Amino acid sequence: MVSHEASGGFILSPPPSSVAPSSTSATSSLPHPRATPLRPGGSKESTFIRYVDQRILHIQRRFAKRTSPTGSGLSDVDRDKADSWGDVKGYGSMRAACEDVEELVGVIWVSGTPSLQTPYLINLALLLTTIVPAMPPSPNSLFRLLGKLDHAFASLVQGRDVDNGEQLPGFEGRKGVSGTEKVRIRSLVERTRITVMEAFKKGEFELAEPEEDDQNMMNVEDDGDGELVLEGDDLEDTDDDDSWDMQLARVYDRTIVELGDSLEEPSIGIITERRM
């Protein structure tokens, strides 16, 4: 296999021929993170931040220049953005957008750095809530991406990987994400569940083949020396035994369970007597 190295230790290799798993648990699995977080202020952290910021901007640009399968066109605001971003091709399907976001979720997770993982994943999840109502859903790609985000948020809230129970890097001696971040995640989860449900109620779905110029999805792993390695994976959609109704009900279900009652309003010290 021929590979080439991009900046900052990201190694991209062509996708090998493989069959994507069909089970929900398999497709929602995240790559194994680094053993230790990126050193604050270090060169690898700087490279990571620059890479992720560039990829988010690229996704935003392609979304702003998206084409509308229904022929309804773009809003005036989106059209203005598209005119100023003439160097990229707009998304022609939600599947392509989900694949780009999913790739970036893997990169962020491999970093093993909670101080970067939580805010970046929140930003991507928020971006997804903008993408979903703007394009006909591509169910398999969307549910796979939501499954990975659910896995990531639930694990960060607990401080351990919810699949295998392993303690996450950077959580030694402390528990999960901050209270403020939990509030943001809870709001995001509720908003996403409503947005996805409303998108499916429209009854319009994107089931077309991927665009010719779309890149295949990348799996992301740590090579043992602290380098972030991306290896290709075939993203061909597979049939799932679960109905869409069941998958809609499971959107962010593990995150909701992990949040539990952790967001109960604190007592302010006022005690009232019970009236007879």
C-alpha atoms as a PDB file:
ATOM      1  CA  MET A   1       0.000   0.000   0.000  1.00  0.00           C
ATOM      2  CA  VAL A   2       1.347   3.358  -1.020  1.00  0.00           C
ATOM      3  CA  SER A   3       0.890   6.196   1.432  1.00  0.00           C
ATOM      4  CA  HIS A   4       1.903   9.800   1.622  1.00  0.00           C
ATOM      5  CA  GLU A   5       2.415  11.961   4.665  1.00  0.00           C
ATOM      6  CA  ALA A   6       0.527  15.171   5.202  1.00  0.00           C
ATOM      7  CA  SER A   7       1.502  17.871   7.636  1.00  0.00           C
ATOM      8  CA  GLY A   8       1.802  17.143  11.322  1.00  0.00           C
ATOM      9  CA  GLY A   9       2.062  13.356  11.157  1.00  0.00           C
ATOM     10  CA  PHE A  10      -1.296  12.719   9.473  1.00  0.00           C
ATOM     11  CA  ILE A  11      -0.670   9.798   7.120  1.00  0.00           C
ATOM     12  CA  LEU A  12      -3.270   9.237   4.439  1.00  0.00           C
ATOM     13  CA  SER A  13      -3.379   5.914   2.659  1.00  0.00           C
ATOM     14  CA  PRO A  14      -5.714   4.728  -0.127  1.00  0.00           C
ATOM     15  CA  PRO A  15      -8.795   2.841   1.100  1.00  0.00           C
ATOM     16  CA  PRO A  16      -8.440  -0.957   0.912  1.00  0.00           C
ATOM     17  CA  SER A  17     -11.281  -3.093  -0.369  1.00  0.00           C
ATOM     18  CA  SER A  18     -13.479  -4.101   2.544  1.00  0.00           C
ATOM     19  CA  VAL A  19     -17.088  -4.503   3.549  1.00  0.00           C
ATOM     20  CA  ALA A  20     -18.541  -2.064   6.055  1.00  0.00           C
ATOM     21  CA  PRO A  21     -20.103  -3.699   9.137  1.00  0.00           C
ATOM     22  CA  SER A  22     -23.869  -3.638   9.308  1.00  0.00           C
ATOM     23  CA  SER A  23     -24.466  -3.765  13.053  1.00  0.00           C
ATOM     24  CA  THR A  24     -25.185  -0.528  14.860  1.00  0.00           C
ATOM     25  CA  SER A  25     -22.584  -1.216  17.562  1.00  0.00           C
ATOM     26  CA  ALA A  26     -19.858  -1.823  14.996  1.00  0.00           C
ATOM     27  CA  THR A  27     -20.590   1.195  12.821  1.00  0.00           C
ATOM     28  CA  SER A  28     -20.790   3.509  15.830  1.00  0.00           C
ATOM     29  CA  SER A  29     -17.412   2.409  17.193  1.00  0.00           C
ATOM     30  CA  LEU A  30     -14.670   5.000  17.411  1.00  0.00           C
ATOM     31  CA  PRO A  31     -10.949   4.438  16.761  1.00  0.00           C
ATOM     32  CA  HIS A  32      -8.680   3.888  19.737  1.00  0.00           C
ATOM     33  CA  PRO A  33      -7.357   7.218  21.057  1.00  0.00           C
ATOM     34  CA  ARG A  34      -3.772   8.142  21.855  1.00  0.00           C
ATOM     35  CA  ALA A  35      -2.451   6.867  25.162  1.00  0.00           C
ATOM     36  CA  THR A  36      -1.794  10.399  26.397  1.00  0.00           C
ATOM     37  CA  PRO A  37      -3.278  13.812  25.538  1.00  0.00           C
ATOM     38  CA  LEU A  38      -1.463  16.198  23.226  1.00  0.00           C
ATOM     39  CA  ARG A  39       0.909  18.445  25.160  1.00  0.00           C
ATOM     40  CA  PRO A  40      -0.613  21.911  25.657  1.00  0.00           C
ATOM     41  CA  GLY A  41       1.195  24.446  23.499  1.00  0.00           C
ATOM     42  CA  GLY A  42       3.208  21.747  21.728  1.00  0.00           C
ATOM     43  CA  SER A  43       3.788  21.470  18.008  1.00  0.00           C
ATOM     44  CA  LYS A  44       1.463  18.475  17.623  1.00  0.00           C
ATOM     45  CA  GLU A  45      -1.357  20.293  19.362  1.00  0.00           C
ATOM     46  CA  SER A  46      -0.846  23.314  17.105  1.00  0.00           C
ATOM     47  CA  THR A  47      -0.830  21.128  14.009  1.00  0.00           C
ATOM     48  CA  PHE A  48      -3.942  19.327  15.197  1.00  0.00           C
ATOM     49  CA  ILE A  49      -5.844  22.560  15.855  1.00  0.00           C
ATOM     50  CA  ARG A  50      -4.831  24.011  12.490  1.00  0.00           C
ATOM     51  CA  TYR A  51      -5.857  20.828  10.656  1.00  0.00           C
ATOM     52  CA  VAL A  52      -9.257  20.538  12.371  1.00  0.00           C
ATOM     53  CA  ASP A  53     -10.047  24.235  11.898  1.00  0.00           C
ATOM     54  CA  GLN A  54      -9.223  23.965   8.202  1.00  0.00           C
ATOM     55  CA  ARG A  55     -11.407  20.879   7.770  1.00  0.00           C
ATOM     56  CA  ILE A  56     -14.350  22.501   9.561  1.00  0.00           C
ATOM     57  CA  LEU A  57     -14.041  25.546   7.305  1.00  0.00           C
ATOM     58  CA  HIS A  58     -13.894  23.262   4.251  1.00  0.00           C
ATOM     59  CA  ILE A  59     -17.103  21.500   5.344  1.00  0.00           C
ATOM     60  CA  GLN A  60     -18.810  24.846   5.935  1.00  0.00           C
ATOM     61  CA  ARG A  61     -17.774  26.053   2.493  1.00  0.00           C
ATOM     62  CA  ARG A  62     -19.043  22.924   0.750  1.00  0.00           C
ATOM     63  CA  PHE A  63     -22.301  23.144   2.672  1.00  0.00           C
ATOM     64  CA  ALA A  64     -22.759  26.809   1.728  1.00  0.00           C
ATOM     65  CA  LYS A  65     -22.317  25.835  -1.935  1.00  0.00           C
ATOM     66  CA  ARG A  66     -24.574  22.768  -1.740  1.00  0.00           C
ATOM     67  CA  THR A  67     -26.897  21.941  -4.601  1.00  0.00           C
ATOM     68  CA  SER A  68     -30.582  21.358  -3.961  1.00  0.00           C
ATOM     69  CA  PRO A  69     -31.980  18.058  -5.358  1.00  0.00           C
ATOM     70  CA  THR A  70     -35.489  19.452  -4.955  1.00  0.00           C
ATOM     71  CA  GLY A  71     -34.686  22.520  -7.033  1.00  0.00           C
ATOM     72  CA  SER A  72     -35.594  24.936  -4.252  1.00  0.00           C
ATOM     73  CA  GLY A  73     -32.195  26.608  -4.405  1.00  0.00           C
ATOM     74  CA  LEU A  74     -30.217  28.324  -1.643  1.00  0.00           C
ATOM     75  CA  SER A  75     -31.170  31.154   0.631  1.00  0.00           C
ATOM     76  CA  ASP A  76     -29.816  34.617  -0.137  1.00  0.00           C
ATOM     77  CA  VAL A  77     -27.373  34.342   2.777  1.00  0.00           C
ATOM     78  CA  ASP A  78     -26.072  30.952   1.642  1.00  0.00           C
ATOM     79  CA  ARG A  79     -25.833  32.193  -1.949  1.00  0.00           C
ATOM     80  CA  ASP A  80     -23.693  35.146  -0.855  1.00  0.00           C
ATOM     81  CA  LYS A  81     -21.380  32.790   1.001  1.00  0.00           C
ATOM     82  CA  ALA A  82     -21.198  30.447  -1.956  1.00  0.00           C
ATOM     83  CA  ASP A  83     -20.263  33.302  -4.281  1.00  0.00           C
ATOM     84  CA  SER A  84     -17.353  34.255  -2.022  1.00  0.00           C
ATOM     85  CA  TRP A  85     -16.162  30.634  -1.740  1.00  0.00           C
ATOM     86  CA  GLY A  86     -15.622  29.722  -5.347  1.00  0.00           C
ATOM     87  CA  ASP A  87     -12.696  27.363  -4.769  1.00  0.00           C
ATOM     88  CA  VAL A  88     -14.695  24.329  -3.611  1.00  0.00           C
ATOM     89  CA  LYS A  89     -17.496  22.159  -4.975  1.00  0.00           C
ATOM     90  CA  GLY A  90     -20.719  22.181  -2.998  1.00  0.00           C
ATOM     91  CA  TYR A  91     -22.239  19.064  -1.480  1.00  0.00           C
ATOM     92  CA  GLY A  92     -24.686  17.232  -3.703  1.00  0.00           C
ATOM     93  CA  SER A  93     -25.958  14.920  -0.968  1.00  0.00           C
ATOM     94  CA  MET A  94     -26.142  14.641   2.789  1.00  0.00           C
ATOM     95  CA  ARG A  95     -24.133  11.437   2.529  1.00  0.00           C
ATOM     96  CA  ALA A  96     -21.084  13.351   1.313  1.00  0.00           C
ATOM     97  CA  ALA A  97     -21.433  15.887   4.125  1.00  0.00           C
ATOM     98  CA  CYS A  98     -21.836  13.178   6.763  1.00  0.00           C
ATOM     99  CA  GLU A  99     -18.746  11.376   5.520  1.00  0.00           C
ATOM    100  CA  ASP A 100     -16.629  14.516   5.851  1.00  0.00           C
ATOM    101  CA  VAL A 101     -17.922  15.179   9.363  1.00  0.00           C
ATOM    102  CA  GLU A 102     -17.458  11.520  10.353  1.00  0.00           C
ATOM    103  CA  GLU A 103     -13.855  11.582   9.203  1.00  0.00           C
ATOM    104  CA  LEU A 104     -13.198  14.618  11.367  1.00  0.00           C
ATOM    105  CA  VAL A 105     -14.917  13.039  14.387  1.00  0.00           C
ATOM    106  CA  GLY A 106     -12.421  10.183  14.123  1.00  0.00           C
ATOM    107  CA  VAL A 107      -9.445  12.541  13.953  1.00  0.00           C
ATOM    108  CA  ILE A 108     -10.673  14.488  16.983  1.00  0.00           C
ATOM    109  CA  TRP A 109     -11.270  11.307  18.988  1.00  0.00           C
ATOM    110  CA  VAL A 110      -7.796   9.928  18.285  1.00  0.00           C
ATOM    111  CA  SER A 111      -6.258  13.082  19.766  1.00  0.00           C
ATOM    112  CA  GLY A 112      -7.096  11.767  23.235  1.00  0.00           C
ATOM    113  CA  THR A 113      -7.265  15.348  24.519  1.00  0.00           C
ATOM    114  CA  PRO A 114     -10.544  16.160  26.357  1.00  0.00           C
ATOM    115  CA  SER A 115      -9.921  19.901  26.309  1.00  0.00           C
ATOM    116  CA  LEU A 116      -9.999  19.709  22.497  1.00  0.00           C
ATOM    117  CA  GLN A 117     -12.368  16.785  21.980  1.00  0.00           C
ATOM    118  CA  THR A 118     -15.359  18.213  23.837  1.00  0.00           C
ATOM    119  CA  PRO A 119     -15.547  21.691  22.233  1.00  0.00           C
ATOM    120  CA  TYR A 120     -14.721  20.449  18.737  1.00  0.00           C
ATOM    121  CA  LEU A 121     -17.269  17.625  18.898  1.00  0.00           C
ATOM    122  CA  ILE A 122     -19.903  20.054  20.167  1.00  0.00           C
ATOM    123  CA  ASN A 123     -19.134  22.337  17.215  1.00  0.00           C
ATOM    124  CA  LEU A 124     -19.450  19.460  14.730  1.00  0.00           C
ATOM    125  CA  ALA A 125     -22.690  18.279  16.300  1.00  0.00           C
ATOM    126  CA  LEU A 126     -24.072  21.813  16.050  1.00  0.00           C
ATOM    127  CA  LEU A 127     -23.000  21.962  12.406  1.00  0.00           C
ATOM    128  CA  LEU A 128     -24.873  18.718  11.807  1.00  0.00           C
ATOM    129  CA  THR A 129     -28.089  20.254  13.160  1.00  0.00           C
ATOM    130  CA  THR A 130     -27.710  22.861  10.405  1.00  0.00           C
ATOM    131  CA  ILE A 131     -27.031  20.276   7.694  1.00  0.00           C
ATOM    132  CA  VAL A 132     -29.906  17.918   8.532  1.00  0.00           C
ATOM    133  CA  PRO A 133     -32.859  20.258   7.823  1.00  0.00           C
ATOM    134  CA  ALA A 134     -31.183  21.700   4.709  1.00  0.00           C
ATOM    135  CA  MET A 135     -30.754  18.464   2.727  1.00  0.00           C
ATOM    136  CA  PRO A 136     -32.815  15.279   2.235  1.00  0.00           C
ATOM    137  CA  PRO A 137     -31.546  12.704   4.781  1.00  0.00           C
ATOM    138  CA  SER A 138     -29.221   9.903   3.773  1.00  0.00           C
ATOM    139  CA  PRO A 139     -30.343   7.515   6.558  1.00  0.00           C
ATOM    140  CA  ASN A 140     -27.419   5.076   6.756  1.00  0.00           C
ATOM    141  CA  SER A 141     -24.743   7.772   6.692  1.00  0.00           C
ATOM    142  CA  LEU A 142     -26.631  10.028   9.107  1.00  0.00           C
ATOM    143  CA  PHE A 143     -27.349   7.318  11.684  1.00  0.00           C
ATOM    144  CA  ARG A 144     -23.760   6.064  11.508  1.00  0.00           C
ATOM    145  CA  LEU A 145     -22.448   9.576  12.206  1.00  0.00           C
ATOM    146  CA  LEU A 146     -24.962  10.170  15.002  1.00  0.00           C
ATOM    147  CA  GLY A 147     -23.954   6.839  16.532  1.00  0.00           C
ATOM    148  CA  LYS A 148     -20.316   7.893  16.670  1.00  0.00           C
ATOM    149  CA  LEU A 149     -21.145  11.282  18.149  1.00  0.00           C
ATOM    150  CA  ASP A 150     -23.348   9.547  20.730  1.00  0.00           C
ATOM    151  CA  HIS A 151     -20.508   7.168  21.585  1.00  0.00           C
ATOM    152  CA  ALA A 152     -18.094  10.079  21.947  1.00  0.00           C
ATOM    153  CA  PHE A 153     -20.299  12.302  24.122  1.00  0.00           C
ATOM    154  CA  ALA A 154     -21.430   9.453  26.385  1.00  0.00           C
ATOM    155  CA  SER A 155     -17.807   8.390  26.894  1.00  0.00           C
ATOM    156  CA  LEU A 156     -16.621  11.930  27.621  1.00  0.00           C
ATOM    157  CA  VAL A 157     -19.390  12.462  30.176  1.00  0.00           C
ATOM    158  CA  GLN A 158     -18.395   9.243  31.966  1.00  0.00           C
ATOM    159  CA  GLY A 159     -14.645   9.605  31.471  1.00  0.00           C
ATOM    160  CA  ARG A 160     -14.517   6.039  30.153  1.00  0.00           C
ATOM    161  CA  ASP A 161     -15.228   4.428  26.807  1.00  0.00           C
ATOM    162  CA  VAL A 162     -18.840   3.280  27.077  1.00  0.00           C
ATOM    163  CA  ASP A 163     -18.107   0.301  24.804  1.00  0.00           C
ATOM    164  CA  ASN A 164     -15.129  -1.267  26.556  1.00  0.00           C
ATOM    165  CA  GLY A 165     -14.966   0.527  29.915  1.00  0.00           C
ATOM    166  CA  GLU A 166     -11.422   1.781  29.380  1.00  0.00           C
ATOM    167  CA  GLN A 167     -10.520   5.061  31.078  1.00  0.00           C
ATOM    168  CA  LEU A 168     -10.054   7.812  28.539  1.00  0.00           C
ATOM    169  CA  PRO A 169      -6.755   9.705  28.261  1.00  0.00           C
ATOM    170  CA  GLY A 170      -6.741  12.975  30.176  1.00  0.00           C
ATOM    171  CA  PHE A 171      -9.396  11.948  32.717  1.00  0.00           C
ATOM    172  CA  GLU A 172      -7.040  10.618  35.363  1.00  0.00           C
ATOM    173  CA  GLY A 173      -8.086  11.979  38.731  1.00  0.00           C
ATOM    174  CA  ARG A 174     -11.168  13.802  37.490  1.00  0.00           C
ATOM    175  CA  LYS A 175     -14.633  12.964  36.202  1.00  0.00           C
ATOM    176  CA  GLY A 176     -16.067  13.666  32.788  1.00  0.00           C
ATOM    177  CA  VAL A 177     -16.840  17.023  31.285  1.00  0.00           C
ATOM    178  CA  SER A 178     -17.686  20.233  33.144  1.00  0.00           C
ATOM    179  CA  GLY A 179     -21.183  21.194  34.242  1.00  0.00           C
ATOM    180  CA  THR A 180     -21.352  23.933  31.613  1.00  0.00           C
ATOM    181  CA  GLU A 181     -20.381  21.480  28.881  1.00  0.00           C
ATOM    182  CA  LYS A 182     -23.022  19.023  30.105  1.00  0.00           C
ATOM    183  CA  VAL A 183     -25.664  21.724  29.785  1.00  0.00           C
ATOM    184  CA  ARG A 184     -24.529  22.445  26.217  1.00  0.00           C
ATOM    185  CA  ILE A 185     -24.525  18.757  25.325  1.00  0.00           C
ATOM    186  CA  ARG A 186     -27.990  18.214  26.820  1.00  0.00           C
ATOM    187  CA  SER A 187     -29.404  21.144  24.825  1.00  0.00           C
ATOM    188  CA  LEU A 188     -27.648  19.901  21.692  1.00  0.00           C
ATOM    189  CA  VAL A 189     -29.016  16.379  22.146  1.00  0.00           C
ATOM    190  CA  GLU A 190     -32.598  17.592  22.532  1.00  0.00           C
ATOM    191  CA  ARG A 191     -32.296  19.900  19.530  1.00  0.00           C
ATOM    192  CA  THR A 192     -30.797  17.175  17.340  1.00  0.00           C
ATOM    193  CA  ARG A 193     -33.459  14.598  18.174  1.00  0.00           C
ATOM    194  CA  ILE A 194     -36.205  17.042  17.194  1.00  0.00           C
ATOM    195  CA  THR A 195     -34.371  18.164  14.034  1.00  0.00           C
ATOM    196  CA  VAL A 196     -33.764  14.623  12.798  1.00  0.00           C
ATOM    197  CA  MET A 197     -37.346  13.566  13.536  1.00  0.00           C
ATOM    198  CA  GLU A 198     -38.740  16.536  11.608  1.00  0.00           C
ATOM    199  CA  ALA A 199     -36.415  15.837   8.664  1.00  0.00           C
ATOM    200  CA  PHE A 200     -37.657  12.250   8.417  1.00  0.00           C
ATOM    201  CA  LYS A 201     -41.287  13.323   8.675  1.00  0.00           C
ATOM    202  CA  LYS A 202     -40.895  15.192   5.387  1.00  0.00           C
ATOM    203  CA  GLY A 203     -40.564  11.843   3.624  1.00  0.00           C
ATOM    204  CA  GLU A 204     -37.807  12.998   1.259  1.00  0.00           C
ATOM    205  CA  PHE A 205     -34.618  10.927   1.347  1.00  0.00           C
ATOM    206  CA  GLU A 206     -31.303  10.993  -0.494  1.00  0.00           C
ATOM    207  CA  LEU A 207     -30.505   7.440  -1.526  1.00  0.00           C
ATOM    208  CA  ALA A 208     -28.284   8.204  -4.520  1.00  0.00           C
ATOM    209  CA  GLU A 209     -24.779   6.882  -5.044  1.00  0.00           C
ATOM    210  CA  PRO A 210     -21.895   8.978  -3.642  1.00  0.00           C
ATOM    211  CA  GLU A 211     -20.548  11.781  -5.773  1.00  0.00           C
ATOM    212  CA  GLU A 212     -17.700  10.846  -8.084  1.00  0.00           C
ATOM    213  CA  ASP A 213     -15.284  13.304  -6.503  1.00  0.00           C
ATOM    214  CA  ASP A 214     -16.149  12.414  -2.896  1.00  0.00           C
ATOM    215  CA  GLN A 215     -13.243  10.924  -0.967  1.00  0.00           C
ATOM    216  CA  ASN A 216     -13.785   7.645   0.852  1.00  0.00           C
ATOM    217  CA  MET A 217     -14.031   7.714   4.618  1.00  0.00           C
ATOM    218  CA  MET A 218     -10.892   7.390   6.694  1.00  0.00           C
ATOM    219  CA  ASN A 219     -10.396   5.315   9.830  1.00  0.00           C
ATOM    220  CA  VAL A 220      -8.086   7.007  12.308  1.00  0.00           C
ATOM    221  CA  GLU A 221      -5.639   5.275  14.609  1.00  0.00           C
ATOM    222  CA  ASP A 222      -2.550   6.002  16.682  1.00  0.00           C
ATOM    223  CA  ASP A 223       0.570   4.383  15.245  1.00  0.00           C
ATOM    224  CA  GLY A 224       2.100   3.854  18.695  1.00  0.00           C
ATOM    225  CA  ASP A 225       4.526   6.732  18.382  1.00  0.00           C
ATOM    226  CA  GLY A 226       1.957   9.427  18.989  1.00  0.00           C
ATOM    227  CA  GLU A 227       1.327  10.038  15.286  1.00  0.00           C
ATOM    228  CA  LEU A 228      -2.235  10.303  13.968  1.00  0.00           C
ATOM    229  CA  VAL A 229      -2.698   7.758  11.189  1.00  0.00           C
ATOM    230  CA  LEU A 230      -5.723   7.684   8.872  1.00  0.00           C
ATOM    231  CA  GLU A 231      -6.416   4.467   7.013  1.00  0.00           C
ATOM    232  CA  GLY A 232      -9.110   4.060   4.407  1.00  0.00           C
ATOM    233  CA  ASP A 233     -12.372   2.235   4.909  1.00  0.00           C
ATOM    234  CA  ASP A 234     -15.102   1.388   2.456  1.00  0.00           C
ATOM    235  CA  LEU A 235     -18.239   3.327   3.267  1.00  0.00           C
ATOM    236  CA  GLU A 236     -20.670   1.444   1.082  1.00  0.00           C
ATOM    237  CA  ASP A 237     -24.092   1.525   2.732  1.00  0.00           C
ATOM    238  CA  THR A 238     -25.360  -1.751   4.118  1.00  0.00           C
ATOM    239  CA  ASP A 239     -28.814  -2.918   5.079  1.00  0.00           C
ATOM    240  CA  ASP A 240     -29.589  -2.686   8.774  1.00  0.00           C
ATOM    241  CA  ASP A 241     -32.031  -4.967  10.580  1.00  0.00           C
ATOM    242  CA  ASP A 242     -33.326  -2.021  12.608  1.00  0.00           C
ATOM    243  CA  SER A 243     -36.139   0.091  11.219  1.00  0.00           C
ATOM    244  CA  TRP A 244     -35.674   3.821  10.850  1.00  0.00           C
ATOM    245  CA  ASP A 245     -38.177   4.297  13.665  1.00  0.00           C
ATOM    246  CA  MET A 246     -35.949   2.316  16.010  1.00  0.00           C
ATOM    247  CA  GLN A 247     -32.874   4.248  14.947  1.00  0.00           C
ATOM    248  CA  LEU A 248     -34.666   7.568  15.388  1.00  0.00           C
ATOM    249  CA  ALA A 249     -35.538   6.534  18.938  1.00  0.00           C
ATOM    250  CA  ARG A 250     -31.862   5.767  19.621  1.00  0.00           C
ATOM    251  CA  VAL A 251     -30.476   9.152  18.543  1.00  0.00           C
ATOM    252  CA  TYR A 252     -28.086  10.146  21.368  1.00  0.00           C
ATOM    253  CA  ASP A 253     -29.705   7.583  23.684  1.00  0.00           C
ATOM    254  CA  ARG A 254     -26.431   6.622  25.399  1.00  0.00           C
ATOM    255  CA  THR A 255     -25.542  10.270  25.991  1.00  0.00           C
ATOM    256  CA  ILE A 256     -28.930  10.845  27.603  1.00  0.00           C
ATOM    257  CA  VAL A 257     -28.373   7.855  29.889  1.00  0.00           C
ATOM    258  CA  GLU A 258     -24.905   9.063  30.919  1.00  0.00           C
ATOM    259  CA  LEU A 259     -26.133  12.586  31.603  1.00  0.00           C
ATOM    260  CA  GLY A 260     -28.926  11.135  33.737  1.00  0.00           C
ATOM    261  CA  ASP A 261     -29.763  13.385  36.663  1.00  0.00           C
ATOM    262  CA  SER A 262     -26.391  15.142  36.621  1.00  0.00           C
ATOM    263  CA  LEU A 263     -28.046  18.339  35.438  1.00  0.00           C
ATOM    264  CA  GLU A 264     -30.547  18.663  38.282  1.00  0.00           C
ATOM    265  CA  GLU A 265     -30.835  22.219  39.531  1.00  0.00           C
ATOM    266  CA  PRO A 266     -28.730  22.712  42.665  1.00  0.00           C
ATOM    267  CA  SER A 267     -30.376  23.545  45.955  1.00  0.00           C
ATOM    268  CA  ILE A 268     -30.227  27.257  46.834  1.00  0.00           C
ATOM    269  CA  GLY A 269     -30.704  26.670  50.549  1.00  0.00           C
ATOM    270  CA  ILE A 270     -34.346  27.741  50.856  1.00  0.00           C
ATOM    271  CA  ILE A 271     -36.419  25.455  53.030  1.00  0.00           C
ATOM    272  CA  THR A 272     -40.176  25.753  53.069  1.00  0.00           C
ATOM    273  CA  GLU A 273     -42.447  24.216  55.681  1.00  0.00           C
ATOM    274  CA  ARG A 274     -45.073  21.804  54.519  1.00  0.00           C
ATOM    275  CA  ARG A 275     -48.570  23.166  54.970  1.00  0.00           C
ATOM    276  CA  MET A 276     -51.179  21.041  56.618  1.00  0.00           C
END
